[in-house]
C-alpha atoms as a PDB file:
ATOM      1  CA  UNK A   1      35.902 -35.863  17.785  1.00  0.00           C
ATOM      2  CA  UNK A   2      32.516 -34.106  17.696  1.00  0.00           C
ATOM      3  CA  UNK A   3      29.427 -35.763  16.264  1.00  0.00           C
ATOM      4  CA  UNK A   4      27.663 -34.250  13.295  1.00  0.00           C
ATOM      5  CA  UNK A   5      24.109 -33.414  14.538  1.00  0.00           C
ATOM      6  CA  UNK A   6      22.692 -33.851  11.023  1.00  0.00           C
ATOM      7  CA  UNK A   7      23.907 -37.436  10.865  1.00  0.00           C
ATOM      8  CA  UNK A   8      22.491 -38.217  14.308  1.00  0.00           C
ATOM      9  CA  UNK A   9      19.166 -36.511  13.503  1.00  0.00           C
ATOM     10  CA  UNK A  10      18.808 -38.463  10.252  1.00  0.00           C
ATOM     11  CA  UNK A  11      20.092 -41.777  11.615  1.00  0.00           C
ATOM     12  CA  UNK A  12      17.982 -44.814  10.864  1.00  0.00           C
ATOM     13  CA  UNK A  13      17.081 -46.477  14.153  1.00  0.00           C
ATOM     14  CA  UNK A  14      15.727 -49.835  15.235  1.00  0.00           C
ATOM     15  CA  UNK A  15      12.639 -48.013  16.549  1.00  0.00           C
ATOM     16  CA  UNK A  16      12.013 -46.584  13.069  1.00  0.00           C
ATOM     17  CA  UNK A  17      12.335 -50.010  11.476  1.00  0.00           C
ATOM     18  CA  UNK A  18       9.996 -51.488  14.101  1.00  0.00           C
ATOM     19  CA  UNK A  19       7.399 -48.780  13.350  1.00  0.00           C
ATOM     20  CA  UNK A  20       7.687 -49.373   9.600  1.00  0.00           C
ATOM     21  CA  UNK A  21       7.326 -53.145  10.054  1.00  0.00           C
ATOM     22  CA  UNK A  22       4.353 -52.605  12.357  1.00  0.00           C
ATOM     23  CA  UNK A  23       2.636 -50.472   9.679  1.00  0.00           C
ATOM     24  CA  UNK A  24       3.184 -53.216   7.089  1.00  0.00           C
ATOM     25  CA  UNK A  25       1.922 -55.945   9.415  1.00  0.00           C
ATOM     26  CA  UNK A  26      -1.214 -53.902  10.191  1.00  0.00           C
ATOM     27  CA  UNK A  27      -1.670 -53.549   6.403  1.00  0.00           C
ATOM     28  CA  UNK A  28      -1.990 -49.808   7.064  1.00  0.00           C
ATOM     29  CA  UNK A  29      -1.209 -48.063   3.792  1.00  0.00           C
ATOM     30  CA  UNK A  30      -1.509 -44.567   5.306  1.00  0.00           C
ATOM     31  CA  UNK A  31       1.025 -45.427   8.020  1.00  0.00           C
ATOM     32  CA  UNK A  32       3.342 -47.007   5.433  1.00  0.00           C
ATOM     33  CA  UNK A  33       3.166 -43.952   3.182  1.00  0.00           C
ATOM     34  CA  UNK A  34       3.995 -41.671   6.113  1.00  0.00           C
ATOM     35  CA  UNK A  35       7.482 -43.225   5.995  1.00  0.00           C
ATOM     36  CA  UNK A  36       8.022 -42.453   2.267  1.00  0.00           C
ATOM     37  CA  UNK A  37       9.167 -39.232   0.629  1.00  0.00           C
ATOM     38  CA  UNK A  38       6.727 -37.684  -1.857  1.00  0.00           C
ATOM     39  CA  UNK A  39       8.909 -38.896  -4.731  1.00  0.00           C
ATOM     40  CA  UNK A  40       9.683 -42.270  -3.138  1.00  0.00           C
ATOM     41  CA  UNK A  41      10.114 -45.445  -5.121  1.00  0.00           C
ATOM     42  CA  UNK A  42       9.101 -49.061  -4.498  1.00  0.00           C
ATOM     43  CA  UNK A  43      10.655 -51.861  -6.573  1.00  0.00           C
ATOM     44  CA  UNK A  44       8.839 -55.210  -6.352  1.00  0.00           C
ATOM     45  CA  UNK A  45      10.428 -58.674  -6.328  1.00  0.00           C
ATOM     46  CA  UNK A  46       9.239 -59.472  -9.862  1.00  0.00           C
ATOM     47  CA  UNK A  47       8.261 -57.598 -12.972  1.00  0.00           C
ATOM     48  CA  UNK A  48       9.271 -56.675 -16.489  1.00  0.00           C
ATOM     49  CA  UNK A  49      12.338 -54.619 -15.588  1.00  0.00           C
ATOM     50  CA  UNK A  50      15.691 -55.284 -13.974  1.00  0.00           C
ATOM     51  CA  UNK A  51      14.271 -53.782 -10.770  1.00  0.00           C
ATOM     52  CA  UNK A  52      11.056 -55.838 -10.978  1.00  0.00           C
ATOM     53  CA  UNK A  53       8.144 -53.451 -11.290  1.00  0.00           C
ATOM     54  CA  UNK A  54       8.736 -49.932 -10.009  1.00  0.00           C
ATOM     55  CA  UNK A  55       6.201 -47.618  -8.441  1.00  0.00           C
ATOM     56  CA  UNK A  56       7.181 -43.944  -8.230  1.00  0.00           C
ATOM     57  CA  UNK A  57       5.527 -41.409  -5.938  1.00  0.00           C
ATOM     58  CA  UNK A  58       3.100 -41.870  -3.084  1.00  0.00           C
ATOM     59  CA  UNK A  59       0.004 -42.334  -5.271  1.00  0.00           C
ATOM     60  CA  UNK A  60       1.610 -45.196  -7.192  1.00  0.00           C
ATOM     61  CA  UNK A  61       3.038 -46.761  -4.028  1.00  0.00           C
ATOM     62  CA  UNK A  62      -0.410 -46.518  -2.397  1.00  0.00           C
ATOM     63  CA  UNK A  63      -1.978 -48.324  -5.350  1.00  0.00           C
ATOM     64  CA  UNK A  64       0.660 -51.081  -5.144  1.00  0.00           C
ATOM     65  CA  UNK A  65       0.156 -51.758  -1.442  1.00  0.00           C
ATOM     66  CA  UNK A  66      -3.627 -51.341  -1.506  1.00  0.00           C
ATOM     67  CA  UNK A  67      -3.688 -53.870  -4.350  1.00  0.00           C
ATOM     68  CA  UNK A  68      -1.549 -56.296  -2.371  1.00  0.00           C
ATOM     69  CA  UNK A  69      -3.587 -55.961   0.817  1.00  0.00           C
ATOM     70  CA  UNK A  70      -6.893 -56.522  -0.999  1.00  0.00           C
ATOM     71  CA  UNK A  71      -5.551 -59.537  -2.929  1.00  0.00           C
ATOM     72  CA  UNK A  72      -4.804 -61.592   0.207  1.00  0.00           C
ATOM     73  CA  UNK A  73      -6.776 -62.721   3.241  1.00  0.00           C
ATOM     74  CA  UNK A  74      -3.780 -62.031   5.461  1.00  0.00           C
ATOM     75  CA  UNK A  75      -0.143 -61.064   5.046  1.00  0.00           C
ATOM     76  CA  UNK A  76       2.718 -60.351   7.407  1.00  0.00           C
ATOM     77  CA  UNK A  77       6.472 -60.000   7.431  1.00  0.00           C
ATOM     78  CA  UNK A  78       8.390 -61.425  10.396  1.00  0.00           C
ATOM     79  CA  UNK A  79      11.879 -59.959  10.826  1.00  0.00           C
ATOM     80  CA  UNK A  80      14.758 -62.414  10.832  1.00  0.00           C
ATOM     81  CA  UNK A  81      17.582 -59.868  10.910  1.00  0.00           C
ATOM     82  CA  UNK A  82      17.897 -56.141  10.294  1.00  0.00           C
ATOM     83  CA  UNK A  83      21.049 -54.100   9.792  1.00  0.00           C
ATOM     84  CA  UNK A  84      21.628 -50.412   9.262  1.00  0.00           C
ATOM     85  CA  UNK A  85      24.587 -49.192   7.246  1.00  0.00           C
ATOM     86  CA  UNK A  86      24.673 -45.450   6.681  1.00  0.00           C
ATOM     87  CA  UNK A  87      21.469 -44.390   4.919  1.00  0.00           C
ATOM     88  CA  UNK A  88      20.363 -47.979   4.192  1.00  0.00           C
ATOM     89  CA  UNK A  89      18.527 -50.597   6.200  1.00  0.00           C
ATOM     90  CA  UNK A  90      18.741 -54.253   5.203  1.00  0.00           C
ATOM     91  CA  UNK A  91      15.731 -56.195   6.465  1.00  0.00           C
ATOM     92  CA  UNK A  92      15.745 -59.983   6.133  1.00  0.00           C
ATOM     93  CA  UNK A  93      12.153 -61.153   6.492  1.00  0.00           C
ATOM     94  CA  UNK A  94       9.913 -64.221   6.463  1.00  0.00           C
ATOM     95  CA  UNK A  95       6.856 -63.262   4.396  1.00  0.00           C
ATOM     96  CA  UNK A  96       3.674 -65.226   5.027  1.00  0.00           C
ATOM     97  CA  UNK A  97       0.368 -64.726   3.246  1.00  0.00           C
ATOM     98  CA  UNK A  98      -2.940 -66.496   2.841  1.00  0.00           C
ATOM     99  CA  UNK A  99      -4.770 -66.085  -0.450  1.00  0.00           C
ATOM    100  CA  UNK A 100      -8.585 -66.000  -0.739  1.00  0.00           C
ATOM    101  CA  UNK A 101      -8.381 -69.559  -2.145  1.00  0.00           C
ATOM    102  CA  UNK A 102      -6.860 -70.703   1.158  1.00  0.00           C
ATOM    103  CA  UNK A 103      -3.429 -71.226  -0.414  1.00  0.00           C
ATOM    104  CA  UNK A 104      -0.665 -70.299   1.993  1.00  0.00           C
ATOM    105  CA  UNK A 105       2.485 -68.620   0.783  1.00  0.00           C
ATOM    106  CA  UNK A 106       5.745 -68.580   2.693  1.00  0.00           C
ATOM    107  CA  UNK A 107       9.083 -67.282   1.524  1.00  0.00           C
ATOM    108  CA  UNK A 108      12.159 -65.377   2.592  1.00  0.00           C
ATOM    109  CA  UNK A 109      12.690 -61.852   1.433  1.00  0.00           C
ATOM    110  CA  UNK A 110      15.126 -59.012   1.766  1.00  0.00           C
ATOM    111  CA  UNK A 111      14.125 -55.371   1.689  1.00  0.00           C
ATOM    112  CA  UNK A 112      16.730 -52.707   1.126  1.00  0.00           C
ATOM    113  CA  UNK A 113      15.417 -49.377   2.372  1.00  0.00           C
ATOM    114  CA  UNK A 114      17.231 -46.178   1.423  1.00  0.00           C
ATOM    115  CA  UNK A 115      16.543 -43.182   3.653  1.00  0.00           C
ATOM    116  CA  UNK A 116      16.895 -39.418   3.305  1.00  0.00           C
ATOM    117  CA  UNK A 117      16.061 -37.150   6.231  1.00  0.00           C
ATOM    118  CA  UNK A 118      14.419 -40.032   8.083  1.00  0.00           C
ATOM    119  CA  UNK A 119      12.098 -41.058   5.225  1.00  0.00           C
ATOM    120  CA  UNK A 120      12.277 -43.881   2.699  1.00  0.00           C
ATOM    121  CA  UNK A 121      13.315 -42.748  -0.761  1.00  0.00           C
ATOM    122  CA  UNK A 122      13.512 -46.284  -2.145  1.00  0.00           C
ATOM    123  CA  UNK A 123      12.321 -49.727  -1.074  1.00  0.00           C
ATOM    124  CA  UNK A 124      13.788 -52.556  -3.130  1.00  0.00           C
ATOM    125  CA  UNK A 125      12.434 -56.044  -2.426  1.00  0.00           C
ATOM    126  CA  UNK A 126      14.100 -59.373  -3.225  1.00  0.00           C
ATOM    127  CA  UNK A 127      12.786 -62.889  -2.544  1.00  0.00           C
ATOM    128  CA  UNK A 128      13.638 -66.589  -2.364  1.00  0.00           C
ATOM    129  CA  UNK A 129      10.611 -68.654  -3.334  1.00  0.00           C
ATOM    130  CA  UNK A 130      10.145 -72.386  -3.396  1.00  0.00           C
ATOM    131  CA  UNK A 131       9.498 -73.904  -6.800  1.00  0.00           C
END
C-alpha cells in the first residue's frame, strides 16, 4: 500500500503541537497567529453561545489573546496528554494563571484543534473549574 503524500505533508505532529504550546506559554500572539488560517476560529470556554464566545479571523483572534495576556500577570498551559486523530488534535491541559490581584487560578482544560494544510482552522476550548 502506498502512502498518500498529501496526508503525510499535512499530518499534525507532536513537534507542531509543542511549537504551538510554546507560543502560548511565551504569550506570543504573533507566533500563535502564525499557526492559524486567515479565516480561523477560536471558541472560548464560556460565553453567550453554545460554543462560548467565538472569534473569527486573525484580527479577532489577536484581540482575544492580547486581551487575555494583558489581563493576567502570568499564564501557562502545561500539557497532560495530547492525541492526534486525523485532522484534529486533542490537548488535555492544566491551565495556571495569576491575576493582577494576586489571585491564582488553576483548572483543567481541553483544546480541540482542527487543522487544514498544517494550520489551525478552529480552536475549541473546554474547561473544568472548581466552584
